[in-house]
Amino acid sequence: MISVAEAVASRRSIRAFTDAPVPLEVIQRVLDQARMAPSGCNFQPWEAVVLTGAPLKALQERLLASQIDSPLEYDFSAPQAEPRYRDRMVDLGAAMYSAIGVQRADASSRQDFTQRNLVSFDAPVLLLAHFPKLMKEPQWSDVGMWLQTIMLLLRGEGLDSCPQEYMGLYGRTIKDELGLGEDVLLF
């Protein structure tokens, strides 16, 4: 078992997973422990669907055959209007593509890598967080703390993760595939 400090220091967004299965009891233990994450007024607004195996593959196939939602349910890239945040995003993209050997001018390879989001970089487990649309910014913060707690608990189990706001671009498609109503927001 690693310390909380070690989990924080070693957590990374992994974009290349192995096909090693993750035992269901590990996922159940992490989710059970994560329910202790803080939430204002104890609303605990978070809900999740965990997919593995055939249901995960079915969703991935549907996503690969789908288009980005139009209009989007929410804009996660709005901060790029501010130069200092846009610069951070551009720097991150340049470092990431450089690390995998993709040149800026190679639009096809960049698009191929972006599409890897739709198969969650081959992760054997996908957790899709959602919450009722009536929740506001404070509850979005609560969900973020819950997800961070999950990621740190996964590190404690020796596992990695990759939060994917990208999936929000396909929110309606995902909700339809999972049988979730229009009254929830995929996070």
N, C-alpha and C. Protein backbone atom coordinates (compact mmCIF):
# COMPACT_ATOMS: atom_id res chain seq x y z
N MET A 1 0.86 -1.19 0.00
CA MET A 1 0.00 0.00 0.00
C MET A 1 0.90 1.24 0.00
N ILE A 2 0.54 2.20 -0.83
CA ILE A 2 1.32 3.43 -0.88
C ILE A 2 0.62 4.52 -0.08
N SER A 3 1.38 5.53 0.31
CA SER A 3 0.81 6.63 1.08
C SER A 3 -0.03 7.53 0.17
N VAL A 4 -0.84 8.37 0.79
CA VAL A 4 -1.62 9.34 0.03
C VAL A 4 -0.68 10.25 -0.76
N ALA A 5 0.39 10.69 -0.12
CA ALA A 5 1.35 11.57 -0.80
C ALA A 5 1.95 10.87 -2.02
N GLU A 6 2.26 9.59 -1.89
CA GLU A 6 2.81 8.83 -3.02
C GLU A 6 1.76 8.68 -4.13
N ALA A 7 0.51 8.47 -3.74
CA ALA A 7 -0.56 8.35 -4.74
C ALA A 7 -0.72 9.65 -5.51
N VAL A 8 -0.69 10.78 -4.79
CA VAL A 8 -0.81 12.09 -5.45
C VAL A 8 0.38 12.32 -6.38
N ALA A 9 1.59 12.02 -5.90
CA ALA A 9 2.79 12.26 -6.70
C ALA A 9 2.90 11.35 -7.91
N SER A 10 2.31 10.17 -7.85
CA SER A 10 2.47 9.21 -8.95
C SER A 10 1.27 9.13 -9.89
N ARG A 11 0.19 9.83 -9.58
CA ARG A 11 -0.98 9.78 -10.45
C ARG A 11 -0.69 10.50 -11.76
N ARG A 12 -0.96 9.82 -12.85
CA ARG A 12 -0.77 10.37 -14.19
C ARG A 12 -1.98 10.00 -15.03
N SER A 13 -2.23 10.77 -16.06
CA SER A 13 -3.27 10.41 -17.03
C SER A 13 -2.64 9.47 -18.05
N ILE A 14 -2.95 8.21 -17.93
CA ILE A 14 -2.36 7.18 -18.78
C ILE A 14 -3.14 7.09 -20.09
N ARG A 15 -2.43 7.02 -21.18
CA ARG A 15 -3.07 6.96 -22.49
C ARG A 15 -2.62 5.74 -23.29
N ALA A 16 -2.25 4.69 -22.56
CA ALA A 16 -1.91 3.40 -23.18
C ALA A 16 -2.01 2.35 -22.08
N PHE A 17 -3.12 1.62 -22.07
CA PHE A 17 -3.36 0.61 -21.05
C PHE A 17 -3.05 -0.78 -21.59
N THR A 18 -2.77 -1.70 -20.67
CA THR A 18 -2.62 -3.09 -21.05
C THR A 18 -4.00 -3.74 -21.03
N ASP A 19 -4.07 -4.97 -21.50
CA ASP A 19 -5.35 -5.67 -21.48
C ASP A 19 -5.53 -6.51 -20.21
N ALA A 20 -4.69 -6.28 -19.21
CA ALA A 20 -4.81 -7.02 -17.95
C ALA A 20 -6.15 -6.70 -17.30
N PRO A 21 -6.93 -7.72 -16.96
CA PRO A 21 -8.23 -7.46 -16.34
C PRO A 21 -8.05 -6.86 -14.94
N VAL A 22 -9.03 -6.08 -14.55
CA VAL A 22 -9.06 -5.50 -13.20
C VAL A 22 -10.14 -6.25 -12.44
N PRO A 23 -9.77 -6.89 -11.32
CA PRO A 23 -10.78 -7.64 -10.56
C PRO A 23 -11.94 -6.75 -10.11
N LEU A 24 -13.16 -7.25 -10.29
CA LEU A 24 -14.36 -6.51 -9.91
C LEU A 24 -14.32 -6.10 -8.44
N GLU A 25 -13.77 -6.95 -7.59
CA GLU A 25 -13.73 -6.60 -6.16
C GLU A 25 -12.85 -5.38 -5.89
N VAL A 26 -11.84 -5.14 -6.72
CA VAL A 26 -11.01 -3.94 -6.57
C VAL A 26 -11.84 -2.71 -6.90
N ILE A 27 -12.57 -2.77 -8.00
CA ILE A 27 -13.43 -1.63 -8.39
C ILE A 27 -14.49 -1.38 -7.32
N GLN A 28 -15.09 -2.45 -6.82
CA GLN A 28 -16.11 -2.30 -5.78
C GLN A 28 -15.51 -1.68 -4.52
N ARG A 29 -14.32 -2.11 -4.14
CA ARG A 29 -13.67 -1.58 -2.94
C ARG A 29 -13.36 -0.09 -3.12
N VAL A 30 -12.81 0.28 -4.27
CA VAL A 30 -12.49 1.68 -4.54
C VAL A 30 -13.74 2.55 -4.50
N LEU A 31 -14.81 2.10 -5.15
CA LEU A 31 -16.05 2.89 -5.15
C LEU A 31 -16.67 2.98 -3.77
N ASP A 32 -16.57 1.92 -2.99
CA ASP A 32 -17.10 1.95 -1.63
C ASP A 32 -16.32 2.95 -0.78
N GLN A 33 -15.00 2.95 -0.91
CA GLN A 33 -14.18 3.89 -0.15
C GLN A 33 -14.39 5.33 -0.62
N ALA A 34 -14.57 5.52 -1.94
CA ALA A 34 -14.70 6.87 -2.50
C ALA A 34 -15.98 7.55 -2.07
N ARG A 35 -16.97 6.81 -1.63
CA ARG A 35 -18.22 7.45 -1.23
C ARG A 35 -18.03 8.34 -0.01
N MET A 36 -16.86 8.27 0.63
CA MET A 36 -16.54 9.13 1.76
C MET A 36 -16.00 10.49 1.32
N ALA A 37 -15.89 10.71 0.01
CA ALA A 37 -15.43 12.02 -0.49
C ALA A 37 -16.38 13.10 0.00
N PRO A 38 -15.86 14.31 0.21
CA PRO A 38 -16.72 15.39 0.71
C PRO A 38 -17.73 15.85 -0.32
N SER A 39 -18.88 16.27 0.17
CA SER A 39 -19.87 16.92 -0.70
C SER A 39 -20.68 17.89 0.14
N GLY A 40 -20.86 19.09 -0.40
CA GLY A 40 -21.63 20.11 0.29
C GLY A 40 -23.04 19.63 0.61
N CYS A 41 -23.48 19.87 1.83
CA CYS A 41 -24.80 19.48 2.31
C CYS A 41 -25.03 17.97 2.22
N ASN A 42 -23.95 17.22 2.03
CA ASN A 42 -24.01 15.76 1.89
C ASN A 42 -24.94 15.33 0.75
N PHE A 43 -24.99 16.15 -0.32
CA PHE A 43 -25.83 15.80 -1.47
C PHE A 43 -25.34 14.53 -2.17
N GLN A 44 -24.01 14.32 -2.16
CA GLN A 44 -23.42 13.19 -2.87
C GLN A 44 -24.07 13.04 -4.25
N PRO A 45 -23.89 14.05 -5.11
CA PRO A 45 -24.62 14.09 -6.38
C PRO A 45 -24.15 13.10 -7.43
N TRP A 46 -23.06 12.43 -7.16
CA TRP A 46 -22.45 11.58 -8.18
C TRP A 46 -23.15 10.24 -8.34
N GLU A 47 -23.16 9.80 -9.57
CA GLU A 47 -23.59 8.46 -9.92
C GLU A 47 -22.62 7.99 -10.99
N ALA A 48 -22.56 6.71 -11.22
CA ALA A 48 -21.63 6.21 -12.23
C ALA A 48 -22.12 4.89 -12.80
N VAL A 49 -21.68 4.65 -14.02
CA VAL A 49 -21.86 3.36 -14.67
C VAL A 49 -20.45 2.85 -14.92
N VAL A 50 -20.20 1.61 -14.55
CA VAL A 50 -18.90 0.98 -14.78
C VAL A 50 -19.08 -0.08 -15.86
N LEU A 51 -18.26 0.03 -16.90
CA LEU A 51 -18.35 -0.91 -18.02
C LEU A 51 -17.05 -1.69 -18.18
N THR A 52 -17.19 -2.96 -18.50
CA THR A 52 -16.07 -3.82 -18.87
C THR A 52 -16.58 -4.77 -19.95
N GLY A 53 -15.69 -5.53 -20.53
CA GLY A 53 -16.08 -6.60 -21.44
C GLY A 53 -16.97 -6.16 -22.59
N ALA A 54 -17.98 -6.99 -22.90
CA ALA A 54 -18.86 -6.76 -24.06
C ALA A 54 -19.61 -5.42 -23.99
N PRO A 55 -20.16 -5.01 -22.84
CA PRO A 55 -20.84 -3.70 -22.81
C PRO A 55 -19.89 -2.54 -23.12
N LEU A 56 -18.64 -2.64 -22.66
CA LEU A 56 -17.66 -1.61 -22.95
C LEU A 56 -17.35 -1.59 -24.45
N LYS A 57 -17.15 -2.74 -25.03
CA LYS A 57 -16.87 -2.82 -26.48
C LYS A 57 -18.05 -2.28 -27.30
N ALA A 58 -19.27 -2.58 -26.88
CA ALA A 58 -20.45 -2.09 -27.60
C ALA A 58 -20.49 -0.57 -27.58
N LEU A 59 -20.23 0.04 -26.43
CA LEU A 59 -20.21 1.50 -26.35
C LEU A 59 -19.11 2.06 -27.24
N GLN A 60 -17.92 1.47 -27.18
CA GLN A 60 -16.81 1.96 -27.98
C GLN A 60 -17.11 1.89 -29.47
N GLU A 61 -17.72 0.81 -29.91
CA GLU A 61 -18.08 0.68 -31.32
C GLU A 61 -19.09 1.76 -31.72
N ARG A 62 -20.04 2.01 -30.85
CA ARG A 62 -21.03 3.05 -31.15
C ARG A 62 -20.38 4.43 -31.21
N LEU A 63 -19.48 4.69 -30.28
CA LEU A 63 -18.80 5.99 -30.29
C LEU A 63 -17.97 6.18 -31.55
N LEU A 64 -17.26 5.14 -31.95
CA LEU A 64 -16.43 5.23 -33.15
C LEU A 64 -17.27 5.49 -34.41
N ALA A 65 -18.52 5.07 -34.38
CA ALA A 65 -19.42 5.27 -35.52
C ALA A 65 -20.25 6.56 -35.40
N SER A 66 -20.04 7.32 -34.34
CA SER A 66 -20.87 8.50 -34.05
C SER A 66 -20.12 9.80 -34.32
N GLN A 67 -20.88 10.87 -34.30
CA GLN A 67 -20.33 12.22 -34.43
C GLN A 67 -20.43 12.92 -33.08
N ILE A 68 -19.60 13.92 -32.89
CA ILE A 68 -19.65 14.75 -31.69
C ILE A 68 -21.04 15.39 -31.60
N ASP A 69 -21.57 15.50 -30.37
CA ASP A 69 -22.87 16.13 -30.15
C ASP A 69 -22.88 17.55 -30.70
N SER A 70 -24.02 17.92 -31.26
CA SER A 70 -24.20 19.29 -31.71
C SER A 70 -25.63 19.70 -31.41
N PRO A 71 -25.82 20.65 -30.53
CA PRO A 71 -24.80 21.38 -29.79
C PRO A 71 -24.29 20.55 -28.61
N LEU A 72 -23.14 20.96 -28.08
CA LEU A 72 -22.61 20.31 -26.89
C LEU A 72 -23.48 20.66 -25.68
N GLU A 73 -23.52 19.75 -24.71
CA GLU A 73 -24.30 20.03 -23.50
C GLU A 73 -23.62 21.06 -22.60
N TYR A 74 -22.31 21.11 -22.64
CA TYR A 74 -21.57 22.12 -21.89
C TYR A 74 -20.22 22.31 -22.56
N ASP A 75 -19.60 23.45 -22.33
CA ASP A 75 -18.34 23.80 -22.96
C ASP A 75 -17.21 23.66 -21.95
N PHE A 76 -16.43 22.59 -22.09
CA PHE A 76 -15.32 22.39 -21.16
C PHE A 76 -14.06 23.16 -21.58
N SER A 77 -14.07 23.76 -22.76
CA SER A 77 -12.87 24.45 -23.24
C SER A 77 -12.98 25.97 -23.16
N ALA A 78 -14.02 26.49 -22.53
CA ALA A 78 -14.21 27.93 -22.45
C ALA A 78 -12.99 28.69 -21.91
N PRO A 79 -12.24 28.13 -20.95
CA PRO A 79 -11.08 28.88 -20.44
C PRO A 79 -10.03 29.22 -21.49
N GLN A 80 -10.03 28.54 -22.65
CA GLN A 80 -9.01 28.83 -23.65
C GLN A 80 -9.13 30.24 -24.23
N ALA A 81 -10.23 30.93 -23.94
CA ALA A 81 -10.37 32.32 -24.37
C ALA A 81 -9.38 33.23 -23.64
N GLU A 82 -8.92 32.82 -22.48
CA GLU A 82 -7.94 33.56 -21.68
C GLU A 82 -6.54 33.07 -22.10
N PRO A 83 -5.66 33.97 -22.55
CA PRO A 83 -4.36 33.56 -23.09
C PRO A 83 -3.54 32.63 -22.18
N ARG A 84 -3.51 32.90 -20.88
CA ARG A 84 -2.66 32.06 -20.02
C ARG A 84 -3.19 30.62 -19.95
N TYR A 85 -4.50 30.42 -20.01
CA TYR A 85 -5.04 29.07 -20.00
C TYR A 85 -4.89 28.40 -21.37
N ARG A 86 -5.08 29.18 -22.42
CA ARG A 86 -4.88 28.66 -23.76
C ARG A 86 -3.43 28.21 -23.93
N ASP A 87 -2.49 29.02 -23.43
CA ASP A 87 -1.07 28.67 -23.53
C ASP A 87 -0.78 27.34 -22.81
N ARG A 88 -1.40 27.14 -21.66
CA ARG A 88 -1.20 25.87 -20.93
C ARG A 88 -1.71 24.70 -21.76
N MET A 89 -2.88 24.89 -22.37
CA MET A 89 -3.47 23.84 -23.19
C MET A 89 -2.58 23.54 -24.40
N VAL A 90 -2.09 24.59 -25.05
CA VAL A 90 -1.23 24.42 -26.23
C VAL A 90 0.08 23.73 -25.82
N ASP A 91 0.66 24.16 -24.71
CA ASP A 91 1.91 23.55 -24.24
C ASP A 91 1.70 22.07 -23.91
N LEU A 92 0.59 21.76 -23.27
CA LEU A 92 0.31 20.36 -22.94
C LEU A 92 0.17 19.53 -24.22
N GLY A 93 -0.59 20.04 -25.18
CA GLY A 93 -0.77 19.33 -26.44
C GLY A 93 0.55 19.10 -27.15
N ALA A 94 1.39 20.14 -27.20
CA ALA A 94 2.69 20.01 -27.86
C ALA A 94 3.55 18.95 -27.17
N ALA A 95 3.57 18.96 -25.84
CA ALA A 95 4.37 17.98 -25.10
C ALA A 95 3.83 16.57 -25.30
N MET A 96 2.52 16.42 -25.28
CA MET A 96 1.92 15.10 -25.43
C MET A 96 2.20 14.54 -26.82
N TYR A 97 1.96 15.33 -27.85
CA TYR A 97 2.19 14.85 -29.22
C TYR A 97 3.67 14.61 -29.48
N SER A 98 4.53 15.43 -28.92
CA SER A 98 5.97 15.21 -29.05
C SER A 98 6.37 13.89 -28.41
N ALA A 99 5.80 13.60 -27.24
CA ALA A 99 6.14 12.36 -26.52
C ALA A 99 5.77 11.12 -27.30
N ILE A 100 4.73 11.21 -28.14
CA ILE A 100 4.33 10.03 -28.92
C ILE A 100 4.83 10.12 -30.36
N GLY A 101 5.66 11.14 -30.65
CA GLY A 101 6.29 11.26 -31.96
C GLY A 101 5.39 11.75 -33.07
N VAL A 102 4.37 12.53 -32.74
CA VAL A 102 3.46 13.07 -33.75
C VAL A 102 3.79 14.54 -33.96
N GLN A 103 4.07 14.89 -35.21
CA GLN A 103 4.39 16.27 -35.56
C GLN A 103 3.14 17.13 -35.63
N ARG A 104 3.26 18.40 -35.34
CA ARG A 104 2.12 19.34 -35.36
C ARG A 104 1.43 19.33 -36.73
N ALA A 105 2.18 19.24 -37.79
CA ALA A 105 1.62 19.29 -39.14
C ALA A 105 0.93 17.98 -39.55
N ASP A 106 1.10 16.94 -38.78
CA ASP A 106 0.54 15.62 -39.12
C ASP A 106 -0.87 15.50 -38.58
N ALA A 107 -1.80 16.15 -39.27
CA ALA A 107 -3.19 16.20 -38.81
C ALA A 107 -3.81 14.82 -38.72
N SER A 108 -3.48 13.94 -39.63
CA SER A 108 -4.06 12.59 -39.64
C SER A 108 -3.65 11.81 -38.38
N SER A 109 -2.38 11.85 -38.02
CA SER A 109 -1.92 11.14 -36.82
C SER A 109 -2.48 11.77 -35.56
N ARG A 110 -2.61 13.09 -35.56
CA ARG A 110 -3.21 13.75 -34.39
C ARG A 110 -4.67 13.33 -34.24
N GLN A 111 -5.39 13.26 -35.35
CA GLN A 111 -6.79 12.82 -35.32
C GLN A 111 -6.90 11.37 -34.86
N ASP A 112 -6.00 10.51 -35.35
CA ASP A 112 -6.00 9.10 -34.92
C ASP A 112 -5.81 8.99 -33.42
N PHE A 113 -4.87 9.79 -32.88
CA PHE A 113 -4.64 9.75 -31.43
C PHE A 113 -5.86 10.26 -30.68
N THR A 114 -6.46 11.33 -31.17
CA THR A 114 -7.66 11.87 -30.53
C THR A 114 -8.76 10.82 -30.49
N GLN A 115 -8.91 10.06 -31.58
CA GLN A 115 -9.93 9.01 -31.63
C GLN A 115 -9.69 7.92 -30.59
N ARG A 116 -8.45 7.78 -30.12
CA ARG A 116 -8.14 6.77 -29.09
C ARG A 116 -8.92 7.06 -27.79
N ASN A 117 -9.34 8.32 -27.62
CA ASN A 117 -10.20 8.64 -26.48
C ASN A 117 -11.47 7.79 -26.50
N LEU A 118 -11.98 7.52 -27.70
CA LEU A 118 -13.26 6.83 -27.82
C LEU A 118 -13.18 5.37 -27.40
N VAL A 119 -11.99 4.83 -27.34
CA VAL A 119 -11.81 3.47 -26.82
C VAL A 119 -11.06 3.52 -25.48
N SER A 120 -11.08 4.71 -24.87
CA SER A 120 -10.47 4.94 -23.55
C SER A 120 -9.05 4.40 -23.47
N PHE A 121 -8.32 4.56 -24.56
CA PHE A 121 -6.92 4.16 -24.61
C PHE A 121 -6.73 2.69 -24.22
N ASP A 122 -7.75 1.89 -24.55
CA ASP A 122 -7.75 0.44 -24.30
C ASP A 122 -7.81 0.07 -22.82
N ALA A 123 -8.29 0.96 -21.97
CA ALA A 123 -8.47 0.62 -20.56
C ALA A 123 -9.49 -0.51 -20.46
N PRO A 124 -9.26 -1.48 -19.58
CA PRO A 124 -10.20 -2.60 -19.45
C PRO A 124 -11.47 -2.27 -18.69
N VAL A 125 -11.48 -1.11 -18.04
CA VAL A 125 -12.65 -0.67 -17.25
C VAL A 125 -12.89 0.81 -17.57
N LEU A 126 -14.17 1.16 -17.73
CA LEU A 126 -14.55 2.55 -17.96
C LEU A 126 -15.61 2.93 -16.94
N LEU A 127 -15.34 4.00 -16.19
CA LEU A 127 -16.32 4.56 -15.26
C LEU A 127 -16.85 5.85 -15.89
N LEU A 128 -18.15 5.91 -16.08
CA LEU A 128 -18.79 7.09 -16.64
C LEU A 128 -19.59 7.77 -15.54
N ALA A 129 -19.09 8.91 -15.10
CA ALA A 129 -19.76 9.66 -14.03
C ALA A 129 -20.85 10.54 -14.62
N HIS A 130 -21.95 10.63 -13.90
CA HIS A 130 -23.04 11.51 -14.31
C HIS A 130 -23.77 11.99 -13.07
N PHE A 131 -24.58 13.03 -13.26
CA PHE A 131 -25.36 13.57 -12.15
C PHE A 131 -26.55 14.33 -12.71
N PRO A 132 -27.58 14.55 -11.91
CA PRO A 132 -28.75 15.28 -12.40
C PRO A 132 -28.39 16.69 -12.85
N LYS A 133 -28.98 17.11 -13.97
CA LYS A 133 -28.70 18.44 -14.51
C LYS A 133 -29.07 19.57 -13.55
N LEU A 134 -29.94 19.31 -12.60
CA LEU A 134 -30.33 20.37 -11.67
C LEU A 134 -29.18 20.74 -10.73
N MET A 135 -28.13 19.95 -10.69
CA MET A 135 -26.98 20.27 -9.86
C MET A 135 -26.23 21.44 -10.49
N LYS A 136 -25.66 22.28 -9.64
CA LYS A 136 -24.95 23.49 -10.10
C LYS A 136 -23.46 23.38 -9.79
N GLU A 137 -22.75 24.49 -9.96
CA GLU A 137 -21.29 24.49 -9.85
C GLU A 137 -20.77 23.87 -8.55
N PRO A 138 -21.36 24.15 -7.38
CA PRO A 138 -20.83 23.52 -6.17
C PRO A 138 -20.88 21.99 -6.25
N GLN A 139 -21.92 21.44 -6.84
CA GLN A 139 -22.02 19.99 -6.94
C GLN A 139 -21.07 19.45 -8.02
N TRP A 140 -20.80 20.24 -9.07
CA TRP A 140 -19.78 19.83 -10.04
C TRP A 140 -18.45 19.67 -9.32
N SER A 141 -18.18 20.59 -8.41
CA SER A 141 -16.96 20.52 -7.60
C SER A 141 -16.96 19.24 -6.75
N ASP A 142 -18.11 18.93 -6.17
CA ASP A 142 -18.22 17.69 -5.37
C ASP A 142 -17.89 16.47 -6.22
N VAL A 143 -18.42 16.43 -7.44
CA VAL A 143 -18.17 15.30 -8.32
C VAL A 143 -16.68 15.23 -8.67
N GLY A 144 -16.06 16.38 -8.87
CA GLY A 144 -14.62 16.41 -9.13
C GLY A 144 -13.81 15.85 -7.98
N MET A 145 -14.22 16.20 -6.75
CA MET A 145 -13.51 15.66 -5.58
C MET A 145 -13.70 14.15 -5.49
N TRP A 146 -14.89 13.68 -5.81
CA TRP A 146 -15.17 12.24 -5.79
C TRP A 146 -14.30 11.53 -6.83
N LEU A 147 -14.23 12.10 -8.03
CA LEU A 147 -13.42 11.47 -9.07
C LEU A 147 -11.94 11.48 -8.71
N GLN A 148 -11.45 12.56 -8.13
CA GLN A 148 -10.05 12.60 -7.68
C GLN A 148 -9.81 11.55 -6.61
N THR A 149 -10.77 11.39 -5.71
CA THR A 149 -10.65 10.36 -4.67
C THR A 149 -10.54 8.98 -5.31
N ILE A 150 -11.38 8.73 -6.31
CA ILE A 150 -11.32 7.44 -7.02
C ILE A 150 -9.95 7.24 -7.65
N MET A 151 -9.43 8.27 -8.33
CA MET A 151 -8.14 8.14 -9.00
C MET A 151 -7.01 7.87 -8.00
N LEU A 152 -7.06 8.52 -6.84
CA LEU A 152 -6.02 8.29 -5.83
C LEU A 152 -6.16 6.90 -5.20
N LEU A 153 -7.39 6.47 -4.98
CA LEU A 153 -7.60 5.11 -4.46
C LEU A 153 -7.14 4.06 -5.47
N LEU A 154 -7.36 4.32 -6.74
CA LEU A 154 -6.84 3.40 -7.77
C LEU A 154 -5.32 3.32 -7.71
N ARG A 155 -4.66 4.45 -7.53
CA ARG A 155 -3.19 4.44 -7.39
C ARG A 155 -2.79 3.60 -6.18
N GLY A 156 -3.56 3.74 -5.10
CA GLY A 156 -3.29 2.92 -3.91
C GLY A 156 -3.40 1.43 -4.18
N GLU A 157 -4.19 1.08 -5.17
CA GLU A 157 -4.36 -0.32 -5.59
C GLU A 157 -3.33 -0.71 -6.66
N GLY A 158 -2.45 0.24 -7.01
CA GLY A 158 -1.46 -0.04 -8.05
C GLY A 158 -1.99 0.10 -9.46
N LEU A 159 -3.12 0.81 -9.61
CA LEU A 159 -3.75 0.98 -10.92
C LEU A 159 -3.66 2.43 -11.38
N ASP A 160 -3.74 2.63 -12.67
CA ASP A 160 -3.72 3.96 -13.25
C ASP A 160 -5.08 4.30 -13.84
N SER A 161 -5.24 5.57 -14.22
CA SER A 161 -6.51 6.04 -14.77
C SER A 161 -6.24 7.18 -15.73
N CYS A 162 -7.30 7.64 -16.36
CA CYS A 162 -7.21 8.80 -17.25
C CYS A 162 -8.57 9.48 -17.29
N PRO A 163 -8.74 10.60 -16.59
CA PRO A 163 -10.01 11.31 -16.69
C PRO A 163 -10.18 11.83 -18.11
N GLN A 164 -11.38 11.70 -18.65
CA GLN A 164 -11.60 12.03 -20.05
C GLN A 164 -12.79 12.97 -20.24
N GLU A 165 -12.54 14.26 -20.17
CA GLU A 165 -13.59 15.21 -20.49
C GLU A 165 -14.06 15.01 -21.93
N TYR A 166 -13.21 14.43 -22.74
CA TYR A 166 -13.53 14.21 -24.15
C TYR A 166 -14.84 13.45 -24.32
N MET A 167 -15.13 12.54 -23.41
CA MET A 167 -16.36 11.76 -23.51
C MET A 167 -17.60 12.65 -23.46
N GLY A 168 -17.48 13.81 -22.82
CA GLY A 168 -18.60 14.75 -22.77
C GLY A 168 -19.01 15.26 -24.15
N LEU A 169 -18.10 15.18 -25.11
CA LEU A 169 -18.44 15.58 -26.48
C LEU A 169 -19.46 14.64 -27.10
N TYR A 170 -19.60 13.45 -26.52
CA TYR A 170 -20.52 12.42 -27.00
C TYR A 170 -21.56 12.09 -25.94
N GLY A 171 -21.84 13.05 -25.07
CA GLY A 171 -22.72 12.82 -23.93
C GLY A 171 -24.07 12.21 -24.28
N ARG A 172 -24.74 12.76 -25.27
CA ARG A 172 -26.07 12.24 -25.63
C ARG A 172 -25.98 10.82 -26.17
N THR A 173 -24.98 10.54 -26.97
CA THR A 173 -24.79 9.18 -27.52
C THR A 173 -24.55 8.20 -26.39
N ILE A 174 -23.70 8.56 -25.45
CA ILE A 174 -23.40 7.68 -24.32
C ILE A 174 -24.64 7.47 -23.47
N LYS A 175 -25.35 8.55 -23.16
CA LYS A 175 -26.55 8.42 -22.34
C LYS A 175 -27.58 7.54 -23.03
N ASP A 176 -27.71 7.67 -24.33
CA ASP A 176 -28.64 6.83 -25.08
C ASP A 176 -28.22 5.36 -25.00
N GLU A 177 -26.95 5.09 -25.19
CA GLU A 177 -26.45 3.71 -25.14
C GLU A 177 -26.67 3.08 -23.76
N LEU A 178 -26.53 3.89 -22.72
CA LEU A 178 -26.64 3.39 -21.34
C LEU A 178 -28.06 3.46 -20.78
N GLY A 179 -28.97 4.04 -21.54
CA GLY A 179 -30.34 4.16 -21.06
C GLY A 179 -30.52 5.23 -20.00
N LEU A 180 -29.65 6.23 -20.01
CA LEU A 180 -29.76 7.34 -19.07
C LEU A 180 -30.64 8.42 -19.70
N GLY A 181 -31.40 9.10 -18.91
CA GLY A 181 -32.30 10.12 -19.42
C GLY A 181 -31.61 11.43 -19.76
N GLU A 182 -32.35 12.30 -20.39
CA GLU A 182 -31.85 13.63 -20.75
C GLU A 182 -31.74 14.54 -19.53
N ASP A 183 -32.24 14.09 -18.37
CA ASP A 183 -32.18 14.90 -17.17
C ASP A 183 -30.87 14.75 -16.42
N VAL A 184 -29.91 13.99 -16.99
CA VAL A 184 -28.60 13.84 -16.36
C VAL A 184 -27.53 14.42 -17.27
N LEU A 185 -26.42 14.79 -16.67
CA LEU A 185 -25.28 15.32 -17.39
C LEU A 185 -24.12 14.36 -17.21
N LEU A 186 -23.51 13.97 -18.30
CA LEU A 186 -22.32 13.12 -18.25
C LEU A 186 -21.15 14.01 -17.94
N PHE A 187 -20.32 13.61 -16.99
CA PHE A 187 -19.23 14.47 -16.54
C PHE A 187 -17.91 13.84 -16.90
